[in-house]
Amino acid sequence: MNSPYGLPAECLACHLRSDNFFCALSDESLKVFNQIKHAALFREGAVIFVEGQTPRGVFMLCQGQAKLSTTSRDGKTFID
């Protein structure tokens, strides 16, 4: 199964799979994980979550980059 843009949505068949945390799970565990996960794509510049928001789950970045930023009380944005 592929997600939009033809990117893999199945962990077992993913060409990005490595020896890291979720990717290193057994095949049986990955099959169960595939049944409960929700794959999503975000456009460049999209805000995925904000501080204080009720968590919607655990985010796992498989490809691309994410930027973590915070805003000070005087309105300055800091990028970590």
PDB file of N, CA and C in Angstrom:
ATOM      1  N   MET A   1       0.843  -1.185   0.000  1.00  0.00           N
ATOM      2  CA  MET A   1       0.000   0.000   0.000  1.00  0.00           C
ATOM      3  C   MET A   1       0.884   1.243   0.000  1.00  0.00           C
ATOM      4  N   ASN A   2       0.520   2.216  -0.774  1.00  0.00           N
ATOM      5  CA  ASN A   2       1.250   3.478  -0.828  1.00  0.00           C
ATOM      6  C   ASN A   2       0.371   4.606  -0.317  1.00  0.00           C
ATOM      7  N   SER A   3       1.030   5.590   0.252  1.00  0.00           N
ATOM      8  CA  SER A   3       0.345   6.804   0.669  1.00  0.00           C
ATOM      9  C   SER A   3       0.338   7.752  -0.519  1.00  0.00           C
ATOM     10  N   PRO A   4      -0.231   8.953  -0.364  1.00  0.00           N
ATOM     11  CA  PRO A   4      -0.194   9.900  -1.485  1.00  0.00           C
ATOM     12  C   PRO A   4       1.231  10.119  -1.988  1.00  0.00           C
ATOM     13  N   TYR A   5       1.380  10.463  -3.209  1.00  0.00           N
ATOM     14  CA  TYR A   5       2.661  10.694  -3.884  1.00  0.00           C
ATOM     15  C   TYR A   5       3.465   9.410  -4.087  1.00  0.00           C
ATOM     16  N   GLY A   6       2.845   8.256  -3.880  1.00  0.00           N
ATOM     17  CA  GLY A   6       3.512   6.989  -4.123  1.00  0.00           C
ATOM     18  C   GLY A   6       4.534   6.588  -3.084  1.00  0.00           C
ATOM     19  N   LEU A   7       4.555   7.267  -1.946  1.00  0.00           N
ATOM     20  CA  LEU A   7       5.510   6.917  -0.895  1.00  0.00           C
ATOM     21  C   LEU A   7       5.021   5.682  -0.152  1.00  0.00           C
ATOM     22  N   PRO A   8       5.933   4.832   0.309  1.00  0.00           N
ATOM     23  CA  PRO A   8       5.521   3.600   0.978  1.00  0.00           C
ATOM     24  C   PRO A   8       4.813   3.894   2.295  1.00  0.00           C
ATOM     25  N   ALA A   9       3.748   3.148   2.569  1.00  0.00           N
ATOM     26  CA  ALA A   9       3.039   3.293   3.831  1.00  0.00           C
ATOM     27  C   ALA A   9       3.145   2.026   4.660  1.00  0.00           C
ATOM     28  N   GLU A  10       3.738   0.995   4.105  1.00  0.00           N
ATOM     29  CA  GLU A  10       3.932  -0.275   4.802  1.00  0.00           C
ATOM     30  C   GLU A  10       5.373  -0.365   5.273  1.00  0.00           C
ATOM     31  N   CYS A  11       5.562  -0.486   6.552  1.00  0.00           N
ATOM     32  CA  CYS A  11       6.922  -0.520   7.110  1.00  0.00           C
ATOM     33  C   CYS A  11       7.741  -1.712   6.613  1.00  0.00           C
ATOM     34  N   LEU A  12       7.086  -2.864   6.433  1.00  0.00           N
ATOM     35  CA  LEU A  12       7.823  -4.062   6.020  1.00  0.00           C
ATOM     36  C   LEU A  12       8.437  -3.920   4.634  1.00  0.00           C
ATOM     37  N   ALA A  13       7.800  -3.164   3.748  1.00  0.00           N
ATOM     38  CA  ALA A  13       8.285  -3.021   2.378  1.00  0.00           C
ATOM     39  C   ALA A  13       8.994  -1.689   2.130  1.00  0.00           C
ATOM     40  N   CYS A  14       9.205  -0.910   3.175  1.00  0.00           N
ATOM     41  CA  CYS A  14       9.768   0.433   3.018  1.00  0.00           C
ATOM     42  C   CYS A  14      11.247   0.391   2.639  1.00  0.00           C
ATOM     43  N   HIS A  15      11.612   1.145   1.591  1.00  0.00           N
ATOM     44  CA  HIS A  15      13.014   1.196   1.164  1.00  0.00           C
ATOM     45  C   HIS A  15      13.863   2.049   2.113  1.00  0.00           C
ATOM     46  N   LEU A  16      13.226   2.765   3.022  1.00  0.00           N
ATOM     47  CA  LEU A  16      13.955   3.586   3.997  1.00  0.00           C
ATOM     48  C   LEU A  16      14.258   2.817   5.285  1.00  0.00           C
ATOM     49  N   ARG A  17      13.779   1.589   5.378  1.00  0.00           N
ATOM     50  CA  ARG A  17      13.921   0.805   6.608  1.00  0.00           C
ATOM     51  C   ARG A  17      15.393   0.626   6.979  1.00  0.00           C
ATOM     52  N   SER A  18      15.673   0.853   8.275  1.00  0.00           N
ATOM     53  CA  SER A  18      17.043   0.737   8.782  1.00  0.00           C
ATOM     54  C   SER A  18      17.032  -0.065  10.081  1.00  0.00           C
ATOM     55  N   ASP A  19      18.111   0.020  10.826  1.00  0.00           N
ATOM     56  CA  ASP A  19      18.214  -0.706  12.093  1.00  0.00           C
ATOM     57  C   ASP A  19      17.807   0.158  13.281  1.00  0.00           C
ATOM     58  N   ASN A  20      17.128   1.250  13.022  1.00  0.00           N
ATOM     59  CA  ASN A  20      16.730   2.153  14.091  1.00  0.00           C
ATOM     60  C   ASN A  20      15.398   1.723  14.704  1.00  0.00           C
ATOM     61  N   PHE A  21      15.125   2.204  15.876  1.00  0.00           N
ATOM     62  CA  PHE A  21      13.990   1.904  16.737  1.00  0.00           C
ATOM     63  C   PHE A  21      12.826   1.161  16.079  1.00  0.00           C
ATOM     64  N   PHE A  22      11.853   1.842  15.491  1.00  0.00           N
ATOM     65  CA  PHE A  22      10.683   1.172  14.921  1.00  0.00           C
ATOM     66  C   PHE A  22      11.065   0.258  13.764  1.00  0.00           C
ATOM     67  N   CYS A  23      11.997   0.674  12.965  1.00  0.00           N
ATOM     68  CA  CYS A  23      12.399  -0.129  11.807  1.00  0.00           C
ATOM     69  C   CYS A  23      12.991  -1.465  12.213  1.00  0.00           C
ATOM     70  N   ALA A  24      13.586  -1.556  13.395  1.00  0.00           N
ATOM     71  CA  ALA A  24      14.265  -2.772  13.847  1.00  0.00           C
ATOM     72  C   ALA A  24      13.314  -3.747  14.544  1.00  0.00           C
ATOM     73  N   LEU A  25      12.035  -3.414  14.631  1.00  0.00           N
ATOM     74  CA  LEU A  25      11.076  -4.336  15.233  1.00  0.00           C
ATOM     75  C   LEU A  25      10.992  -5.610  14.399  1.00  0.00           C
ATOM     76  N   SER A  26      10.583  -6.682  15.032  1.00  0.00           N
ATOM     77  CA  SER A  26      10.419  -7.945  14.299  1.00  0.00           C
ATOM     78  C   SER A  26       9.329  -7.781  13.241  1.00  0.00           C
ATOM     79  N   ASP A  27       9.332  -8.662  12.252  1.00  0.00           N
ATOM     80  CA  ASP A  27       8.319  -8.600  11.196  1.00  0.00           C
ATOM     81  C   ASP A  27       6.918  -8.709  11.786  1.00  0.00           C
ATOM     82  N   GLU A  28       6.742  -9.575  12.790  1.00  0.00           N
ATOM     83  CA  GLU A  28       5.436  -9.737  13.424  1.00  0.00           C
ATOM     84  C   GLU A  28       5.000  -8.436  14.110  1.00  0.00           C
ATOM     85  N   SER A  29       5.915  -7.788  14.814  1.00  0.00           N
ATOM     86  CA  SER A  29       5.594  -6.525  15.485  1.00  0.00           C
ATOM     87  C   SER A  29       5.285  -5.425  14.483  1.00  0.00           C
ATOM     88  N   LEU A  30       6.019  -5.391  13.374  1.00  0.00           N
ATOM     89  CA  LEU A  30       5.749  -4.383  12.340  1.00  0.00           C
ATOM     90  C   LEU A  30       4.386  -4.590  11.692  1.00  0.00           C
ATOM     91  N   LYS A  31       3.955  -5.840  11.550  1.00  0.00           N
ATOM     92  CA  LYS A  31       2.626  -6.113  10.992  1.00  0.00           C
ATOM     93  C   LYS A  31       1.549  -5.540  11.908  1.00  0.00           C
ATOM     94  N   VAL A  32       1.723  -5.713  13.226  1.00  0.00           N
ATOM     95  CA  VAL A  32       0.768  -5.160  14.187  1.00  0.00           C
ATOM     96  C   VAL A  32       0.828  -3.635  14.167  1.00  0.00           C
ATOM     97  N   PHE A  33       2.028  -3.082  14.112  1.00  0.00           N
ATOM     98  CA  PHE A  33       2.207  -1.634  14.063  1.00  0.00           C
ATOM     99  C   PHE A  33       1.507  -1.050  12.836  1.00  0.00           C
ATOM    100  N   ASN A  34       1.621  -1.717  11.691  1.00  0.00           N
ATOM    101  CA  ASN A  34       0.965  -1.260  10.459  1.00  0.00           C
ATOM    102  C   ASN A  34      -0.552  -1.187  10.623  1.00  0.00           C
ATOM    103  N   GLN A  35      -1.118  -2.044  11.473  1.00  0.00           N
ATOM    104  CA  GLN A  35      -2.567  -2.063  11.666  1.00  0.00           C
ATOM    105  C   GLN A  35      -3.061  -0.895  12.515  1.00  0.00           C
ATOM    106  N   ILE A  36      -2.198  -0.336  13.371  1.00  0.00           N
ATOM    107  CA  ILE A  36      -2.650   0.726  14.278  1.00  0.00           C
ATOM    108  C   ILE A  36      -2.131   2.113  13.912  1.00  0.00           C
ATOM    109  N   LYS A  37      -1.181   2.198  12.994  1.00  0.00           N
ATOM    110  CA  LYS A  37      -0.585   3.501  12.678  1.00  0.00           C
ATOM    111  C   LYS A  37      -1.427   4.260  11.660  1.00  0.00           C
ATOM    112  N   HIS A  38      -1.152   5.534  11.578  1.00  0.00           N
ATOM    113  CA  HIS A  38      -1.770   6.387  10.569  1.00  0.00           C
ATOM    114  C   HIS A  38      -0.647   7.139   9.870  1.00  0.00           C
ATOM    115  N   ALA A  39      -0.415   6.852   8.608  1.00  0.00           N
ATOM    116  CA  ALA A  39       0.640   7.512   7.845  1.00  0.00           C
ATOM    117  C   ALA A  39       0.118   8.835   7.298  1.00  0.00           C
ATOM    118  N   ALA A  40       0.938   9.871   7.383  1.00  0.00           N
ATOM    119  CA  ALA A  40       0.536  11.187   6.891  1.00  0.00           C
ATOM    120  C   ALA A  40       1.716  11.886   6.244  1.00  0.00           C
ATOM    121  N   LEU A  41       1.408  12.709   5.280  1.00  0.00           N
ATOM    122  CA  LEU A  41       2.417  13.552   4.644  1.00  0.00           C
ATOM    123  C   LEU A  41       2.092  14.995   4.988  1.00  0.00           C
ATOM    124  N   PHE A  42       3.120  15.777   5.237  1.00  0.00           N
ATOM    125  CA  PHE A  42       2.932  17.190   5.546  1.00  0.00           C
ATOM    126  C   PHE A  42       3.690  18.010   4.531  1.00  0.00           C
ATOM    127  N   ARG A  43       3.062  19.067   4.051  1.00  0.00           N
ATOM    128  CA  ARG A  43       3.727  19.944   3.096  1.00  0.00           C
ATOM    129  C   ARG A  43       4.793  20.763   3.816  1.00  0.00           C
ATOM    130  N   GLU A  44       5.718  21.271   3.060  1.00  0.00           N
ATOM    131  CA  GLU A  44       6.773  22.110   3.615  1.00  0.00           C
ATOM    132  C   GLU A  44       6.157  23.310   4.330  1.00  0.00           C
ATOM    133  N   GLY A  45       6.622  23.576   5.517  1.00  0.00           N
ATOM    134  CA  GLY A  45       6.142  24.708   6.298  1.00  0.00           C
ATOM    135  C   GLY A  45       4.909  24.423   7.144  1.00  0.00           C
ATOM    136  N   ALA A  46       4.378  23.209   7.058  1.00  0.00           N
ATOM    137  CA  ALA A  46       3.183  22.867   7.836  1.00  0.00           C
ATOM    138  C   ALA A  46       3.509  22.833   9.327  1.00  0.00           C
ATOM    139  N   VAL A  47       2.579  23.286  10.137  1.00  0.00           N
ATOM    140  CA  VAL A  47       2.709  23.191  11.588  1.00  0.00           C
ATOM    141  C   VAL A  47       2.064  21.868  11.995  1.00  0.00           C
ATOM    142  N   ILE A  48       2.862  21.004  12.610  1.00  0.00           N
ATOM    143  CA  ILE A  48       2.374  19.671  12.971  1.00  0.00           C
ATOM    144  C   ILE A  48       1.709  19.690  14.344  1.00  0.00           C
ATOM    145  N   PHE A  49       2.287  20.391  15.288  1.00  0.00           N
ATOM    146  CA  PHE A  49       1.679  20.578  16.593  1.00  0.00           C
ATOM    147  C   PHE A  49       2.258  21.820  17.244  1.00  0.00           C
ATOM    148  N   VAL A  50       1.553  22.317  18.246  1.00  0.00           N
ATOM    149  CA  VAL A  50       2.007  23.508  18.969  1.00  0.00           C
ATOM    150  C   VAL A  50       2.050  23.201  20.463  1.00  0.00           C
ATOM    151  N   GLU A  51       2.880  23.940  21.154  1.00  0.00           N
ATOM    152  CA  GLU A  51       3.034  23.764  22.596  1.00  0.00           C
ATOM    153  C   GLU A  51       1.687  23.932  23.297  1.00  0.00           C
ATOM    154  N   GLY A  52       1.408  23.038  24.229  1.00  0.00           N
ATOM    155  CA  GLY A  52       0.168  23.098  24.992  1.00  0.00           C
ATOM    156  C   GLY A  52      -0.991  22.351  24.366  1.00  0.00           C
ATOM    157  N   GLN A  53      -0.845  21.935  23.124  1.00  0.00           N
ATOM    158  CA  GLN A  53      -1.909  21.208  22.432  1.00  0.00           C
ATOM    159  C   GLN A  53      -2.008  19.790  22.989  1.00  0.00           C
ATOM    160  N   THR A  54      -3.209  19.267  23.093  1.00  0.00           N
ATOM    161  CA  THR A  54      -3.396  17.888  23.516  1.00  0.00           C
ATOM    162  C   THR A  54      -2.741  16.967  22.485  1.00  0.00           C
ATOM    163  N   PRO A  55      -1.892  16.035  22.937  1.00  0.00           N
ATOM    164  CA  PRO A  55      -1.199  15.147  21.981  1.00  0.00           C
ATOM    165  C   PRO A  55      -2.181  14.329  21.148  1.00  0.00           C
ATOM    166  N   ARG A  56      -1.868  14.207  19.864  1.00  0.00           N
ATOM    167  CA  ARG A  56      -2.685  13.406  18.949  1.00  0.00           C
ATOM    168  C   ARG A  56      -2.023  12.076  18.649  1.00  0.00           C
ATOM    169  N   GLY A  57      -0.897  11.801  19.254  1.00  0.00           N
ATOM    170  CA  GLY A  57      -0.201  10.552  19.013  1.00  0.00           C
ATOM    171  C   GLY A  57       1.297  10.757  19.078  1.00  0.00           C
ATOM    172  N   VAL A  58       2.008   9.790  18.568  1.00  0.00           N
ATOM    173  CA  VAL A  58       3.459   9.833  18.491  1.00  0.00           C
ATOM    174  C   VAL A  58       3.824  10.061  17.032  1.00  0.00           C
ATOM    175  N   PHE A  59       4.689  11.015  16.776  1.00  0.00           N
ATOM    176  CA  PHE A  59       5.111  11.305  15.412  1.00  0.00           C
ATOM    177  C   PHE A  59       6.449  10.651  15.146  1.00  0.00           C
ATOM    178  N   MET A  60       6.563  10.010  14.003  1.00  0.00           N
ATOM    179  CA  MET A  60       7.802   9.364  13.604  1.00  0.00           C
ATOM    180  C   MET A  60       8.162   9.886  12.218  1.00  0.00           C
ATOM    181  N   LEU A  61       9.294  10.523  12.116  1.00  0.00           N
ATOM    182  CA  LEU A  61       9.742  11.085  10.850  1.00  0.00           C
ATOM    183  C   LEU A  61      10.535  10.031  10.096  1.00  0.00           C
ATOM    184  N   CYS A  62      10.041   9.637   8.934  1.00  0.00           N
ATOM    185  CA  CYS A  62      10.717   8.611   8.135  1.00  0.00           C
ATOM    186  C   CYS A  62      11.580   9.216   7.038  1.00  0.00           C
ATOM    187  N   GLN A  63      11.209  10.388   6.568  1.00  0.00           N
ATOM    188  CA  GLN A  63      11.945  11.010   5.478  1.00  0.00           C
ATOM    189  C   GLN A  63      11.732  12.514   5.554  1.00  0.00           C
ATOM    190  N   GLY A  64      12.757  13.267   5.231  1.00  0.00           N
ATOM    191  CA  GLY A  64      12.660  14.717   5.234  1.00  0.00           C
ATOM    192  C   GLY A  64      13.237  15.323   6.494  1.00  0.00           C
ATOM    193  N   GLN A  65      12.831  16.541   6.778  1.00  0.00           N
ATOM    194  CA  GLN A  65      13.348  17.265   7.928  1.00  0.00           C
ATOM    195  C   GLN A  65      12.203  17.928   8.664  1.00  0.00           C
ATOM    196  N   ALA A  66      12.404  18.107   9.961  1.00  0.00           N
ATOM    197  CA  ALA A  66      11.441  18.846  10.775  1.00  0.00           C
ATOM    198  C   ALA A  66      12.198  19.921  11.528  1.00  0.00           C
ATOM    199  N   LYS A  67      11.533  21.026  11.748  1.00  0.00           N
ATOM    200  CA  LYS A  67      12.153  22.146  12.453  1.00  0.00           C
ATOM    201  C   LYS A  67      11.373  22.361  13.747  1.00  0.00           C
ATOM    202  N   LEU A  68      12.097  22.464  14.847  1.00  0.00           N
ATOM    203  CA  LEU A  68      11.482  22.740  16.133  1.00  0.00           C
ATOM    204  C   LEU A  68      11.729  24.196  16.465  1.00  0.00           C
ATOM    205  N   SER A  69      10.662  24.924  16.731  1.00  0.00           N
ATOM    206  CA  SER A  69      10.831  26.342  17.049  1.00  0.00           C
ATOM    207  C   SER A  69       9.970  26.707  18.246  1.00  0.00           C
ATOM    208  N   THR A  70      10.332  27.786  18.880  1.00  0.00           N
ATOM    209  CA  THR A  70       9.575  28.320  20.009  1.00  0.00           C
ATOM    210  C   THR A  70       9.563  29.839  19.898  1.00  0.00           C
ATOM    211  N   THR A  71       8.572  30.435  20.488  1.00  0.00           N
ATOM    212  CA  THR A  71       8.450  31.893  20.436  1.00  0.00           C
ATOM    213  C   THR A  71       8.560  32.448  21.849  1.00  0.00           C
ATOM    214  N   SER A  72       9.382  33.476  21.998  1.00  0.00           N
ATOM    215  CA  SER A  72       9.553  34.102  23.313  1.00  0.00           C
ATOM    216  C   SER A  72       8.356  35.001  23.624  1.00  0.00           C
ATOM    217  N   ARG A  73       8.310  35.490  24.842  1.00  0.00           N
ATOM    218  CA  ARG A  73       7.195  36.359  25.261  1.00  0.00           C
ATOM    219  C   ARG A  73       7.151  37.661  24.455  1.00  0.00           C
ATOM    220  N   ASP A  74       8.306  38.087  23.962  1.00  0.00           N
ATOM    221  CA  ASP A  74       8.323  39.330  23.171  1.00  0.00           C
ATOM    222  C   ASP A  74       8.149  39.095  21.677  1.00  0.00           C
ATOM    223  N   GLY A  75       7.806  37.852  21.286  1.00  0.00           N
ATOM    224  CA  GLY A  75       7.476  37.553  19.902  1.00  0.00           C
ATOM    225  C   GLY A  75       8.616  37.089  19.030  1.00  0.00           C
ATOM    226  N   LYS A  76       9.831  36.933  19.586  1.00  0.00           N
ATOM    227  CA  LYS A  76      10.957  36.423  18.786  1.00  0.00           C
ATOM    228  C   LYS A  76      10.844  34.912  18.628  1.00  0.00           C
ATOM    229  N   THR A  77      11.114  34.438  17.433  1.00  0.00           N
ATOM    230  CA  THR A  77      11.085  33.012  17.155  1.00  0.00           C
ATOM    231  C   THR A  77      12.496  32.447  17.225  1.00  0.00           C
ATOM    232  N   PHE A  78      12.640  31.350  17.968  1.00  0.00           N
ATOM    233  CA  PHE A  78      13.913  30.657  18.094  1.00  0.00           C
ATOM    234  C   PHE A  78      13.775  29.282  17.474  1.00  0.00           C
ATOM    235  N   ILE A  79      14.743  28.901  16.676  1.00  0.00           N
ATOM    236  CA  ILE A  79      14.733  27.603  16.014  1.00  0.00           C
ATOM    237  C   ILE A  79      15.802  26.736  16.660  1.00  0.00           C
ATOM    238  N   ASP A  80      15.374  25.558  17.125  1.00  0.00           N
ATOM    239  CA  ASP A  80      16.303  24.595  17.742  1.00  0.00           C
ATOM    240  C   ASP A  80      16.858  23.663  16.702  1.00  0.00           C
TER     241      ASP A  80
END
